[in-house]
């Protein structure tokens, strides 16, 4: 499996995002929170994912964008864990950064792996 994060894998539809926040369940591994929902979406990928960082905690767009880039990269590198698990159905994910200070790539990668493992154990 390629470790890419293509346009078809990104969660962009407002309708799906609305459903996700209305009916989704959540998992947390501080400072990252995962909201997920099993739903049928148009993409041929199992997972459509998005990332979000609060403007309240990070006033400068530069800081928010850096954290979002890090989250996308960490997800891209570790999504193979989900795809190797054959029983996974189609889901939509939203990774939300809830910390108040910026963490390093290594910390985010560890937390992302914890979140994915928690998700797969459901």
PDB file of N, CA and C in Angstrom:
ATOM      1  N   UNK A   1       0.819  -1.185   0.000  1.00  0.00           N
ATOM      2  CA  UNK A   1       0.000   0.000   0.000  1.00  0.00           C
ATOM      3  C   UNK A   1       0.865   1.252   0.000  1.00  0.00           C
ATOM      4  N   UNK A   2       0.480   2.226  -0.821  1.00  0.00           N
ATOM      5  CA  UNK A   2       1.221   3.474  -0.883  1.00  0.00           C
ATOM      6  C   UNK A   2       0.896   4.331   0.329  1.00  0.00           C
ATOM      7  N   UNK A   3       1.911   5.009   0.811  1.00  0.00           N
ATOM      8  CA  UNK A   3       1.635   5.924   1.924  1.00  0.00           C
ATOM      9  C   UNK A   3       1.483   7.333   1.356  1.00  0.00           C
ATOM     10  N   UNK A   4       0.303   7.561   0.790  1.00  0.00           N
ATOM     11  CA  UNK A   4      -0.035   8.878   0.259  1.00  0.00           C
ATOM     12  C   UNK A   4      -1.305   9.347   0.953  1.00  0.00           C
ATOM     13  N   UNK A   5      -1.621  10.608   0.772  1.00  0.00           N
ATOM     14  CA  UNK A   5      -2.856  11.154   1.327  1.00  0.00           C
ATOM     15  C   UNK A   5      -3.491  11.982   0.222  1.00  0.00           C
ATOM     16  N   UNK A   6      -4.190  11.290  -0.672  1.00  0.00           N
ATOM     17  CA  UNK A   6      -4.737  11.922  -1.870  1.00  0.00           C
ATOM     18  C   UNK A   6      -6.027  12.678  -1.571  1.00  0.00           C
ATOM     19  N   UNK A   7      -6.445  13.443  -2.560  1.00  0.00           N
ATOM     20  CA  UNK A   7      -7.636  14.269  -2.434  1.00  0.00           C
ATOM     21  C   UNK A   7      -8.873  13.442  -2.094  1.00  0.00           C
ATOM     22  N   UNK A   8      -8.992  12.244  -2.670  1.00  0.00           N
ATOM     23  CA  UNK A   8     -10.160  11.393  -2.429  1.00  0.00           C
ATOM     24  C   UNK A   8     -10.205  10.876  -0.993  1.00  0.00           C
ATOM     25  N   UNK A   9      -9.077  10.896  -0.309  1.00  0.00           N
ATOM     26  CA  UNK A   9      -9.009  10.422   1.078  1.00  0.00           C
ATOM     27  C   UNK A   9      -9.335  11.516   2.081  1.00  0.00           C
ATOM     28  N   UNK A  10      -9.373  12.752   1.635  1.00  0.00           N
ATOM     29  CA  UNK A  10      -9.580  13.869   2.550  1.00  0.00           C
ATOM     30  C   UNK A  10     -11.063  14.109   2.773  1.00  0.00           C
ATOM     31  N   UNK A  11     -11.414  14.363   3.994  1.00  0.00           N
ATOM     32  CA  UNK A  11     -12.793  14.636   4.377  1.00  0.00           C
ATOM     33  C   UNK A  11     -13.087  16.107   4.114  1.00  0.00           C
ATOM     34  N   UNK A  12     -13.942  16.387   3.127  1.00  0.00           N
ATOM     35  CA  UNK A  12     -14.193  17.766   2.741  1.00  0.00           C
ATOM     36  C   UNK A  12     -15.671  18.119   2.664  1.00  0.00           C
ATOM     37  N   UNK A  13     -16.543  17.126   2.513  1.00  0.00           N
ATOM     38  CA  UNK A  13     -17.964  17.415   2.332  1.00  0.00           C
ATOM     39  C   UNK A  13     -18.603  17.874   3.643  1.00  0.00           C
ATOM     40  N   UNK A  14     -19.282  19.030   3.582  1.00  0.00           N
ATOM     41  CA  UNK A  14     -19.903  19.591   4.781  1.00  0.00           C
ATOM     42  C   UNK A  14     -20.960  18.659   5.349  1.00  0.00           C
ATOM     43  N   UNK A  15     -21.661  17.961   4.482  1.00  0.00           N
ATOM     44  CA  UNK A  15     -22.706  17.043   4.938  1.00  0.00           C
ATOM     45  C   UNK A  15     -22.102  15.917   5.784  1.00  0.00           C
ATOM     46  N   UNK A  16     -21.000  15.333   5.311  1.00  0.00           N
ATOM     47  CA  UNK A  16     -20.329  14.265   6.062  1.00  0.00           C
ATOM     48  C   UNK A  16     -19.746  14.801   7.371  1.00  0.00           C
ATOM     49  N   UNK A  17     -19.162  15.979   7.333  1.00  0.00           N
ATOM     50  CA  UNK A  17     -18.588  16.564   8.542  1.00  0.00           C
ATOM     51  C   UNK A  17     -19.686  16.841   9.566  1.00  0.00           C
ATOM     52  N   UNK A  18     -20.831  17.322   9.102  1.00  0.00           N
ATOM     53  CA  UNK A  18     -21.965  17.556   9.991  1.00  0.00           C
ATOM     54  C   UNK A  18     -22.448  16.269  10.639  1.00  0.00           C
ATOM     55  N   UNK A  19     -22.555  15.197   9.842  1.00  0.00           N
ATOM     56  CA  UNK A  19     -22.945  13.890  10.388  1.00  0.00           C
ATOM     57  C   UNK A  19     -21.931  13.414  11.416  1.00  0.00           C
ATOM     58  N   UNK A  20     -20.665  13.606  11.103  1.00  0.00           N
ATOM     59  CA  UNK A  20     -19.591  13.157  11.991  1.00  0.00           C
ATOM     60  C   UNK A  20     -19.710  13.810  13.365  1.00  0.00           C
ATOM     61  N   UNK A  21     -19.917  15.127  13.401  1.00  0.00           N
ATOM     62  CA  UNK A  21     -20.002  15.813  14.687  1.00  0.00           C
ATOM     63  C   UNK A  21     -21.333  15.574  15.382  1.00  0.00           C
ATOM     64  N   UNK A  22     -22.371  15.246  14.625  1.00  0.00           N
ATOM     65  CA  UNK A  22     -23.676  14.992  15.233  1.00  0.00           C
ATOM     66  C   UNK A  22     -23.774  13.583  15.814  1.00  0.00           C
ATOM     67  N   UNK A  23     -23.260  12.579  15.084  1.00  0.00           N
ATOM     68  CA  UNK A  23     -23.466  11.192  15.492  1.00  0.00           C
ATOM     69  C   UNK A  23     -22.178  10.432  15.774  1.00  0.00           C
ATOM     70  N   UNK A  24     -21.021  11.073  15.607  1.00  0.00           N
ATOM     71  CA  UNK A  24     -19.750  10.374  15.750  1.00  0.00           C
ATOM     72  C   UNK A  24     -19.384  10.046  17.188  1.00  0.00           C
ATOM     73  N   UNK A  25     -18.515   9.069  17.338  1.00  0.00           N
ATOM     74  CA  UNK A  25     -17.980   8.686  18.644  1.00  0.00           C
ATOM     75  C   UNK A  25     -16.530   9.168  18.697  1.00  0.00           C
ATOM     76  N   UNK A  26     -15.975   9.257  19.907  1.00  0.00           N
ATOM     77  CA  UNK A  26     -14.628   9.804  20.001  1.00  0.00           C
ATOM     78  C   UNK A  26     -13.705   8.944  20.847  1.00  0.00           C
ATOM     79  N   UNK A  27     -12.439   9.074  20.540  1.00  0.00           N
ATOM     80  CA  UNK A  27     -11.340   8.473  21.295  1.00  0.00           C
ATOM     81  C   UNK A  27     -10.315   9.577  21.515  1.00  0.00           C
ATOM     82  N   UNK A  28      -9.518   9.431  22.561  1.00  0.00           N
ATOM     83  CA  UNK A  28      -8.551  10.476  22.829  1.00  0.00           C
ATOM     84  C   UNK A  28      -7.223   9.899  23.298  1.00  0.00           C
ATOM     85  N   UNK A  29      -6.158  10.511  22.830  1.00  0.00           N
ATOM     86  CA  UNK A  29      -4.804  10.267  23.317  1.00  0.00           C
ATOM     87  C   UNK A  29      -4.156  11.650  23.311  1.00  0.00           C
ATOM     88  N   UNK A  30      -4.226  12.317  24.457  1.00  0.00           N
ATOM     89  CA  UNK A  30      -3.824  13.716  24.534  1.00  0.00           C
ATOM     90  C   UNK A  30      -2.476  13.940  23.891  1.00  0.00           C
ATOM     91  N   UNK A  31      -2.325  14.908  23.034  1.00  0.00           N
ATOM     92  CA  UNK A  31      -3.164  16.045  22.684  1.00  0.00           C
ATOM     93  C   UNK A  31      -4.007  15.860  21.417  1.00  0.00           C
ATOM     94  N   UNK A  32      -4.216  14.635  20.980  1.00  0.00           N
ATOM     95  CA  UNK A  32      -4.996  14.396  19.759  1.00  0.00           C
ATOM     96  C   UNK A  32      -6.281  13.659  20.116  1.00  0.00           C
ATOM     97  N   UNK A  33      -7.378  14.114  19.527  1.00  0.00           N
ATOM     98  CA  UNK A  33      -8.674  13.482  19.729  1.00  0.00           C
ATOM     99  C   UNK A  33      -9.169  12.999  18.365  1.00  0.00           C
ATOM    100  N   UNK A  34      -9.712  11.799  18.330  1.00  0.00           N
ATOM    101  CA  UNK A  34     -10.247  11.229  17.095  1.00  0.00           C
ATOM    102  C   UNK A  34     -11.762  11.130  17.217  1.00  0.00           C
ATOM    103  N   UNK A  35     -12.468  11.710  16.262  1.00  0.00           N
ATOM    104  CA  UNK A  35     -13.910  11.524  16.166  1.00  0.00           C
ATOM    105  C   UNK A  35     -14.131  10.688  14.914  1.00  0.00           C
ATOM    106  N   UNK A  36     -14.887   9.600  15.051  1.00  0.00           N
ATOM    107  CA  UNK A  36     -15.071   8.685  13.922  1.00  0.00           C
ATOM    108  C   UNK A  36     -16.533   8.293  13.796  1.00  0.00           C
ATOM    109  N   UNK A  37     -16.898   7.898  12.581  1.00  0.00           N
ATOM    110  CA  UNK A  37     -18.260   7.467  12.305  1.00  0.00           C
ATOM    111  C   UNK A  37     -18.227   6.490  11.147  1.00  0.00           C
ATOM    112  N   UNK A  38     -18.888   5.362  11.336  1.00  0.00           N
ATOM    113  CA  UNK A  38     -18.992   4.399  10.235  1.00  0.00           C
ATOM    114  C   UNK A  38     -20.112   4.869   9.320  1.00  0.00           C
ATOM    115  N   UNK A  39     -19.780   5.136   8.087  1.00  0.00           N
ATOM    116  CA  UNK A  39     -20.765   5.614   7.115  1.00  0.00           C
ATOM    117  C   UNK A  39     -20.292   5.258   5.719  1.00  0.00           C
ATOM    118  N   UNK A  40     -21.221   5.221   4.800  1.00  0.00           N
ATOM    119  CA  UNK A  40     -20.867   4.933   3.411  1.00  0.00           C
ATOM    120  C   UNK A  40     -20.600   6.257   2.710  1.00  0.00           C
ATOM    121  N   UNK A  41     -19.399   6.420   2.188  1.00  0.00           N
ATOM    122  CA  UNK A  41     -19.048   7.641   1.473  1.00  0.00           C
ATOM    123  C   UNK A  41     -18.652   7.297   0.049  1.00  0.00           C
ATOM    124  N   UNK A  42     -18.491   8.327  -0.768  1.00  0.00           N
ATOM    125  CA  UNK A  42     -18.258   8.145  -2.210  1.00  0.00           C
ATOM    126  C   UNK A  42     -16.885   7.576  -2.546  1.00  0.00           C
ATOM    127  N   UNK A  43     -15.914   7.822  -1.727  1.00  0.00           N
ATOM    128  CA  UNK A  43     -14.538   7.440  -2.012  1.00  0.00           C
ATOM    129  C   UNK A  43     -14.363   5.920  -2.019  1.00  0.00           C
ATOM    130  N   UNK A  44     -13.432   5.432  -2.844  1.00  0.00           N
ATOM    131  CA  UNK A  44     -13.151   3.998  -2.845  1.00  0.00           C
ATOM    132  C   UNK A  44     -12.150   3.618  -1.755  1.00  0.00           C
ATOM    133  N   UNK A  45     -11.686   4.588  -0.985  1.00  0.00           N
ATOM    134  CA  UNK A  45     -10.826   4.324   0.168  1.00  0.00           C
ATOM    135  C   UNK A  45     -11.693   3.973   1.377  1.00  0.00           C
ATOM    136  N   UNK A  46     -11.149   3.176   2.293  1.00  0.00           N
ATOM    137  CA  UNK A  46     -11.894   2.805   3.504  1.00  0.00           C
ATOM    138  C   UNK A  46     -12.127   3.998   4.421  1.00  0.00           C
ATOM    139  N   UNK A  47     -11.147   4.891   4.481  1.00  0.00           N
ATOM    140  CA  UNK A  47     -11.176   5.999   5.426  1.00  0.00           C
ATOM    141  C   UNK A  47     -11.082   7.329   4.691  1.00  0.00           C
ATOM    142  N   UNK A  48     -11.941   8.266   5.085  1.00  0.00           N
ATOM    143  CA  UNK A  48     -11.764   9.657   4.697  1.00  0.00           C
ATOM    144  C   UNK A  48     -11.442  10.403   5.982  1.00  0.00           C
ATOM    145  N   UNK A  49     -10.377  11.185   5.965  1.00  0.00           N
ATOM    146  CA  UNK A  49      -9.920  11.820   7.200  1.00  0.00           C
ATOM    147  C   UNK A  49      -9.700  13.318   7.014  1.00  0.00           C
ATOM    148  N   UNK A  50      -9.887  14.043   8.097  1.00  0.00           N
ATOM    149  CA  UNK A  50      -9.622  15.464   8.136  1.00  0.00           C
ATOM    150  C   UNK A  50      -8.900  15.812   9.422  1.00  0.00           C
ATOM    151  N   UNK A  51      -8.298  16.993   9.459  1.00  0.00           N
ATOM    152  CA  UNK A  51      -7.602  17.447  10.662  1.00  0.00           C
ATOM    153  C   UNK A  51      -8.092  18.840  11.022  1.00  0.00           C
ATOM    154  N   UNK A  52      -8.037  19.154  12.312  1.00  0.00           N
ATOM    155  CA  UNK A  52      -8.504  20.453  12.780  1.00  0.00           C
ATOM    156  C   UNK A  52      -7.683  20.892  13.983  1.00  0.00           C
ATOM    157  N   UNK A  53      -7.437  22.203  14.039  1.00  0.00           N
ATOM    158  CA  UNK A  53      -6.728  22.804  15.166  1.00  0.00           C
ATOM    159  C   UNK A  53      -7.510  24.044  15.588  1.00  0.00           C
ATOM    160  N   UNK A  54      -7.736  24.182  16.875  1.00  0.00           N
ATOM    161  CA  UNK A  54      -8.553  25.270  17.402  1.00  0.00           C
ATOM    162  C   UNK A  54      -7.871  26.627  17.265  1.00  0.00           C
ATOM    163  N   UNK A  55      -8.654  27.591  16.779  1.00  0.00           N
ATOM    164  CA  UNK A  55      -8.167  28.961  16.681  1.00  0.00           C
ATOM    165  C   UNK A  55      -8.048  29.587  18.071  1.00  0.00           C
ATOM    166  N   UNK A  56      -8.823  29.065  19.013  1.00  0.00           N
ATOM    167  CA  UNK A  56      -8.780  29.572  20.385  1.00  0.00           C
ATOM    168  C   UNK A  56      -7.421  29.299  21.026  1.00  0.00           C
ATOM    169  N   UNK A  57      -6.866  28.107  20.762  1.00  0.00           N
ATOM    170  CA  UNK A  57      -5.597  27.727  21.386  1.00  0.00           C
ATOM    171  C   UNK A  57      -4.375  28.235  20.627  1.00  0.00           C
ATOM    172  N   UNK A  58      -4.514  28.413  19.309  1.00  0.00           N
ATOM    173  CA  UNK A  58      -3.394  28.865  18.480  1.00  0.00           C
ATOM    174  C   UNK A  58      -3.879  30.030  17.632  1.00  0.00           C
ATOM    175  N   UNK A  59      -3.575  31.235  18.083  1.00  0.00           N
ATOM    176  CA  UNK A  59      -4.074  32.448  17.433  1.00  0.00           C
ATOM    177  C   UNK A  59      -3.485  32.644  16.040  1.00  0.00           C
ATOM    178  N   UNK A  60      -2.214  32.307  15.873  1.00  0.00           N
ATOM    179  CA  UNK A  60      -1.542  32.558  14.598  1.00  0.00           C
ATOM    180  C   UNK A  60      -1.797  31.413  13.623  1.00  0.00           C
ATOM    181  N   UNK A  61      -2.180  31.775  12.410  1.00  0.00           N
ATOM    182  CA  UNK A  61      -2.460  30.780  11.373  1.00  0.00           C
ATOM    183  C   UNK A  61      -1.222  29.938  11.066  1.00  0.00           C
ATOM    184  N   UNK A  62      -0.058  30.533  11.198  1.00  0.00           N
ATOM    185  CA  UNK A  62       1.191  29.810  10.934  1.00  0.00           C
ATOM    186  C   UNK A  62       1.311  28.604  11.862  1.00  0.00           C
ATOM    187  N   UNK A  63       0.998  28.821  13.132  1.00  0.00           N
ATOM    188  CA  UNK A  63       1.082  27.740  14.115  1.00  0.00           C
ATOM    189  C   UNK A  63       0.033  26.664  13.848  1.00  0.00           C
ATOM    190  N   UNK A  64      -1.204  27.081  13.548  1.00  0.00           N
ATOM    191  CA  UNK A  64      -2.267  26.111  13.248  1.00  0.00           C
ATOM    192  C   UNK A  64      -1.919  25.288  12.021  1.00  0.00           C
ATOM    193  N   UNK A  65      -1.414  25.941  10.997  1.00  0.00           N
ATOM    194  CA  UNK A  65      -1.079  25.226   9.758  1.00  0.00           C
ATOM    195  C   UNK A  65       0.060  24.243   9.965  1.00  0.00           C
ATOM    196  N   UNK A  66       1.030  24.608  10.785  1.00  0.00           N
ATOM    197  CA  UNK A  66       2.142  23.681  11.060  1.00  0.00           C
ATOM    198  C   UNK A  66       1.636  22.428  11.768  1.00  0.00           C
ATOM    199  N   UNK A  67       0.782  22.590  12.747  1.00  0.00           N
ATOM    200  CA  UNK A  67       0.244  21.439  13.474  1.00  0.00           C
ATOM    201  C   UNK A  67      -0.601  20.571  12.541  1.00  0.00           C
ATOM    202  N   UNK A  68      -1.392  21.211  11.684  1.00  0.00           N
ATOM    203  CA  UNK A  68      -2.198  20.442  10.732  1.00  0.00           C
ATOM    204  C   UNK A  68      -1.314  19.656   9.770  1.00  0.00           C
ATOM    205  N   UNK A  69      -0.222  20.275   9.309  1.00  0.00           N
ATOM    206  CA  UNK A  69       0.720  19.560   8.430  1.00  0.00           C
ATOM    207  C   UNK A  69       1.312  18.351   9.138  1.00  0.00           C
ATOM    208  N   UNK A  70       1.702  18.547  10.406  1.00  0.00           N
ATOM    209  CA  UNK A  70       2.267  17.440  11.180  1.00  0.00           C
ATOM    210  C   UNK A  70       1.245  16.315  11.361  1.00  0.00           C
ATOM    211  N   UNK A  71      -0.002  16.658  11.694  1.00  0.00           N
ATOM    212  CA  UNK A  71      -1.042  15.642  11.880  1.00  0.00           C
ATOM    213  C   UNK A  71      -1.304  14.864  10.596  1.00  0.00           C
ATOM    214  N   UNK A  72      -1.375  15.585   9.469  1.00  0.00           N
ATOM    215  CA  UNK A  72      -1.594  14.896   8.192  1.00  0.00           C
ATOM    216  C   UNK A  72      -0.441  13.952   7.868  1.00  0.00           C
ATOM    217  N   UNK A  73       0.772  14.397   8.121  1.00  0.00           N
ATOM    218  CA  UNK A  73       1.950  13.570   7.834  1.00  0.00           C
ATOM    219  C   UNK A  73       1.978  12.329   8.730  1.00  0.00           C
ATOM    220  N   UNK A  74       1.683  12.500  10.002  1.00  0.00           N
ATOM    221  CA  UNK A  74       1.675  11.371  10.930  1.00  0.00           C
ATOM    222  C   UNK A  74       0.589  10.369  10.521  1.00  0.00           C
ATOM    223  N   UNK A  75      -0.581  10.870  10.141  1.00  0.00           N
ATOM    224  CA  UNK A  75      -1.649   9.973   9.679  1.00  0.00           C
ATOM    225  C   UNK A  75      -1.212   9.240   8.412  1.00  0.00           C
ATOM    226  N   UNK A  76      -0.636   9.981   7.467  1.00  0.00           N
ATOM    227  CA  UNK A  76      -0.203   9.387   6.194  1.00  0.00           C
ATOM    228  C   UNK A  76       0.791   8.251   6.419  1.00  0.00           C
ATOM    229  N   UNK A  77       1.712   8.451   7.341  1.00  0.00           N
ATOM    230  CA  UNK A  77       2.736   7.441   7.605  1.00  0.00           C
ATOM    231  C   UNK A  77       2.191   6.213   8.344  1.00  0.00           C
ATOM    232  N   UNK A  78       1.101   6.366   9.091  1.00  0.00           N
ATOM    233  CA  UNK A  78       0.616   5.277   9.943  1.00  0.00           C
ATOM    234  C   UNK A  78      -0.739   4.709   9.539  1.00  0.00           C
ATOM    235  N   UNK A  79      -1.312   5.172   8.450  1.00  0.00           N
ATOM    236  CA  UNK A  79      -2.633   4.673   8.053  1.00  0.00           C
ATOM    237  C   UNK A  79      -2.584   3.215   7.598  1.00  0.00           C
ATOM    238  N   UNK A  80      -1.399   2.717   7.286  1.00  0.00           N
ATOM    239  CA  UNK A  80      -1.286   1.322   6.880  1.00  0.00           C
ATOM    240  C   UNK A  80      -1.789   0.387   7.986  1.00  0.00           C
ATOM    241  N   UNK A  81      -1.711   0.819   9.238  1.00  0.00           N
ATOM    242  CA  UNK A  81      -2.199   0.003  10.355  1.00  0.00           C
ATOM    243  C   UNK A  81      -3.691  -0.277  10.214  1.00  0.00           C
ATOM    244  N   UNK A  82      -4.442   0.701   9.743  1.00  0.00           N
ATOM    245  CA  UNK A  82      -5.885   0.537   9.557  1.00  0.00           C
ATOM    246  C   UNK A  82      -6.158  -0.346   8.353  1.00  0.00           C
ATOM    247  N   UNK A  83      -5.437  -0.101   7.269  1.00  0.00           N
ATOM    248  CA  UNK A  83      -5.699  -0.827   6.027  1.00  0.00           C
ATOM    249  C   UNK A  83      -5.263  -2.284   6.100  1.00  0.00           C
ATOM    250  N   UNK A  84      -4.302  -2.606   6.963  1.00  0.00           N
ATOM    251  CA  UNK A  84      -3.896  -4.007   7.142  1.00  0.00           C
ATOM    252  C   UNK A  84      -4.956  -4.804   7.884  1.00  0.00           C
ATOM    253  N   UNK A  85      -5.757  -4.128   8.684  1.00  0.00           N
ATOM    254  CA  UNK A  85      -6.817  -4.772   9.450  1.00  0.00           C
ATOM    255  C   UNK A  85      -7.992  -4.992   8.508  1.00  0.00           C
ATOM    256  N   UNK A  86      -8.227  -6.244   8.120  1.00  0.00           N
ATOM    257  CA  UNK A  86      -9.155  -6.539   7.029  1.00  0.00           C
ATOM    258  C   UNK A  86     -10.630  -6.313   7.368  1.00  0.00           C
ATOM    259  N   UNK A  87     -10.999  -6.239   8.637  1.00  0.00           N
ATOM    260  CA  UNK A  87     -12.408  -6.112   9.001  1.00  0.00           C
ATOM    261  C   UNK A  87     -12.898  -4.665   9.058  1.00  0.00           C
ATOM    262  N   UNK A  88     -12.025  -3.729   8.716  1.00  0.00           N
ATOM    263  CA  UNK A  88     -12.410  -2.328   8.792  1.00  0.00           C
ATOM    264  C   UNK A  88     -13.402  -1.983   7.691  1.00  0.00           C
ATOM    265  N   UNK A  89     -14.523  -1.378   8.078  1.00  0.00           N
ATOM    266  CA  UNK A  89     -15.516  -0.913   7.112  1.00  0.00           C
ATOM    267  C   UNK A  89     -15.229   0.548   6.789  1.00  0.00           C
ATOM    268  N   UNK A  90     -16.046   1.151   5.934  1.00  0.00           N
ATOM    269  CA  UNK A  90     -15.839   2.550   5.571  1.00  0.00           C
ATOM    270  C   UNK A  90     -16.167   3.467   6.753  1.00  0.00           C
ATOM    271  N   UNK A  91     -15.241   4.361   7.043  1.00  0.00           N
ATOM    272  CA  UNK A  91     -15.389   5.306   8.151  1.00  0.00           C
ATOM    273  C   UNK A  91     -14.972   6.694   7.696  1.00  0.00           C
ATOM    274  N   UNK A  92     -15.418   7.687   8.454  1.00  0.00           N
ATOM    275  CA  UNK A  92     -14.877   9.029   8.312  1.00  0.00           C
ATOM    276  C   UNK A  92     -14.234   9.394   9.650  1.00  0.00           C
ATOM    277  N   UNK A  93     -13.087  10.058   9.580  1.00  0.00           N
ATOM    278  CA  UNK A  93     -12.296  10.425  10.752  1.00  0.00           C
ATOM    279  C   UNK A  93     -12.108  11.932  10.784  1.00  0.00           C
ATOM    280  N   UNK A  94     -12.009  12.477  11.984  1.00  0.00           N
ATOM    281  CA  UNK A  94     -11.551  13.850  12.161  1.00  0.00           C
ATOM    282  C   UNK A  94     -10.564  13.826  13.330  1.00  0.00           C
ATOM    283  N   UNK A  95      -9.341  14.231  13.052  1.00  0.00           N
ATOM    284  CA  UNK A  95      -8.323  14.333  14.089  1.00  0.00           C
ATOM    285  C   UNK A  95      -8.299  15.778  14.561  1.00  0.00           C
ATOM    286  N   UNK A  96      -8.549  15.979  15.845  1.00  0.00           N
ATOM    287  CA  UNK A  96      -8.588  17.324  16.415  1.00  0.00           C
ATOM    288  C   UNK A  96      -7.447  17.464  17.412  1.00  0.00           C
ATOM    289  N   UNK A  97      -6.679  18.522  17.240  1.00  0.00           N
ATOM    290  CA  UNK A  97      -5.581  18.806  18.158  1.00  0.00           C
ATOM    291  C   UNK A  97      -6.142  19.625  19.306  1.00  0.00           C
ATOM    292  N   UNK A  98      -6.127  19.070  20.522  1.00  0.00           N
ATOM    293  CA  UNK A  98      -6.742  19.738  21.670  1.00  0.00           C
ATOM    294  C   UNK A  98      -5.722  20.305  22.654  1.00  0.00           C
ATOM    295  N   UNK A  99      -4.440  20.114  22.398  1.00  0.00           N
ATOM    296  CA  UNK A  99      -3.408  20.637  23.294  1.00  0.00           C
ATOM    297  C   UNK A  99      -3.292  22.145  23.200  1.00  0.00           C
ATOM    298  N   UNK A 100      -2.636  22.725  24.176  1.00  0.00           N
ATOM    299  CA  UNK A 100      -2.462  24.179  24.193  1.00  0.00           C
ATOM    300  C   UNK A 100      -1.071  24.604  23.747  1.00  0.00           C
ATOM    301  N   UNK A 101      -0.152  23.633  23.634  1.00  0.00           N
ATOM    302  CA  UNK A 101       1.175  23.955  23.107  1.00  0.00           C
ATOM    303  C   UNK A 101       1.540  22.935  22.040  1.00  0.00           C
ATOM    304  N   UNK A 102       2.396  23.352  21.137  1.00  0.00           N
ATOM    305  CA  UNK A 102       2.770  22.521  20.000  1.00  0.00           C
ATOM    306  C   UNK A 102       3.673  21.373  20.448  1.00  0.00           C
ATOM    307  N   UNK A 103       3.350  20.172  20.003  1.00  0.00           N
ATOM    308  CA  UNK A 103       4.147  18.986  20.328  1.00  0.00           C
ATOM    309  C   UNK A 103       5.059  18.630  19.150  1.00  0.00           C
ATOM    310  N   UNK A 104       6.052  17.804  19.430  1.00  0.00           N
ATOM    311  CA  UNK A 104       6.983  17.386  18.386  1.00  0.00           C
ATOM    312  C   UNK A 104       6.371  16.289  17.527  1.00  0.00           C
ATOM    313  N   UNK A 105       6.990  16.046  16.398  1.00  0.00           N
ATOM    314  CA  UNK A 105       6.540  15.009  15.477  1.00  0.00           C
ATOM    315  C   UNK A 105       6.534  13.640  16.157  1.00  0.00           C
ATOM    316  N   UNK A 106       7.571  13.349  16.934  1.00  0.00           N
ATOM    317  CA  UNK A 106       7.687  12.046  17.594  1.00  0.00           C
ATOM    318  C   UNK A 106       6.532  11.808  18.570  1.00  0.00           C
ATOM    319  N   UNK A 107       6.174  12.822  19.336  1.00  0.00           N
ATOM    320  CA  UNK A 107       5.064  12.696  20.288  1.00  0.00           C
ATOM    321  C   UNK A 107       3.757  12.480  19.538  1.00  0.00           C
ATOM    322  N   UNK A 108       3.544  13.265  18.475  1.00  0.00           N
ATOM    323  CA  UNK A 108       2.313  13.116  17.692  1.00  0.00           C
ATOM    324  C   UNK A 108       2.217  11.749  17.039  1.00  0.00           C
ATOM    325  N   UNK A 109       3.347  11.226  16.578  1.00  0.00           N
ATOM    326  CA  UNK A 109       3.332   9.901  15.957  1.00  0.00           C
ATOM    327  C   UNK A 109       2.960   8.820  16.976  1.00  0.00           C
ATOM    328  N   UNK A 110       3.516   8.919  18.167  1.00  0.00           N
ATOM    329  CA  UNK A 110       3.192   7.956  19.225  1.00  0.00           C
ATOM    330  C   UNK A 110       1.702   8.012  19.579  1.00  0.00           C
ATOM    331  N   UNK A 111       1.161   9.212  19.713  1.00  0.00           N
ATOM    332  CA  UNK A 111      -0.250   9.381  20.068  1.00  0.00           C
ATOM    333  C   UNK A 111      -1.163   8.898  18.942  1.00  0.00           C
ATOM    334  N   UNK A 112      -0.756   9.124  17.703  1.00  0.00           N
ATOM    335  CA  UNK A 112      -1.557   8.672  16.561  1.00  0.00           C
ATOM    336  C   UNK A 112      -1.617   7.148  16.539  1.00  0.00           C
ATOM    337  N   UNK A 113      -0.496   6.496  16.803  1.00  0.00           N
ATOM    338  CA  UNK A 113      -0.484   5.031  16.847  1.00  0.00           C
ATOM    339  C   UNK A 113      -1.384   4.516  17.967  1.00  0.00           C
ATOM    340  N   UNK A 114      -1.361   5.198  19.110  1.00  0.00           N
ATOM    341  CA  UNK A 114      -2.245   4.808  20.209  1.00  0.00           C
ATOM    342  C   UNK A 114      -3.707   4.928  19.805  1.00  0.00           C
ATOM    343  N   UNK A 115      -4.055   6.028  19.146  1.00  0.00           N
ATOM    344  CA  UNK A 115      -5.439   6.237  18.706  1.00  0.00           C
ATOM    345  C   UNK A 115      -5.875   5.176  17.704  1.00  0.00           C
ATOM    346  N   UNK A 116      -5.015   4.877  16.747  1.00  0.00           N
ATOM    347  CA  UNK A 116      -5.358   3.879  15.732  1.00  0.00           C
ATOM    348  C   UNK A 116      -5.536   2.508  16.378  1.00  0.00           C
ATOM    349  N   UNK A 117      -4.660   2.169  17.313  1.00  0.00           N
ATOM    350  CA  UNK A 117      -4.800   0.877  18.003  1.00  0.00           C
ATOM    351  C   UNK A 117      -6.075   0.819  18.833  1.00  0.00           C
ATOM    352  N   UNK A 118      -6.423   1.904  19.513  1.00  0.00           N
ATOM    353  CA  UNK A 118      -7.690   1.954  20.261  1.00  0.00           C
ATOM    354  C   UNK A 118      -8.859   1.757  19.312  1.00  0.00           C
ATOM    355  N   UNK A 119      -8.815   2.418  18.152  1.00  0.00           N
ATOM    356  CA  UNK A 119      -9.889   2.292  17.172  1.00  0.00           C
ATOM    357  C   UNK A 119     -10.024   0.854  16.676  1.00  0.00           C
ATOM    358  N   UNK A 120      -8.909   0.216  16.402  1.00  0.00           N
ATOM    359  CA  UNK A 120      -8.949  -1.144  15.858  1.00  0.00           C
ATOM    360  C   UNK A 120      -9.412  -2.176  16.894  1.00  0.00           C
ATOM    361  N   UNK A 121      -9.281  -1.870  18.177  1.00  0.00           N
ATOM    362  CA  UNK A 121      -9.707  -2.796  19.217  1.00  0.00           C
ATOM    363  C   UNK A 121     -11.202  -2.743  19.475  1.00  0.00           C
ATOM    364  N   UNK A 122     -11.914  -1.798  18.859  1.00  0.00           N
ATOM    365  CA  UNK A 122     -13.363  -1.689  19.049  1.00  0.00           C
ATOM    366  C   UNK A 122     -14.090  -2.818  18.355  1.00  0.00           C
TER     367      UNK A 122
END
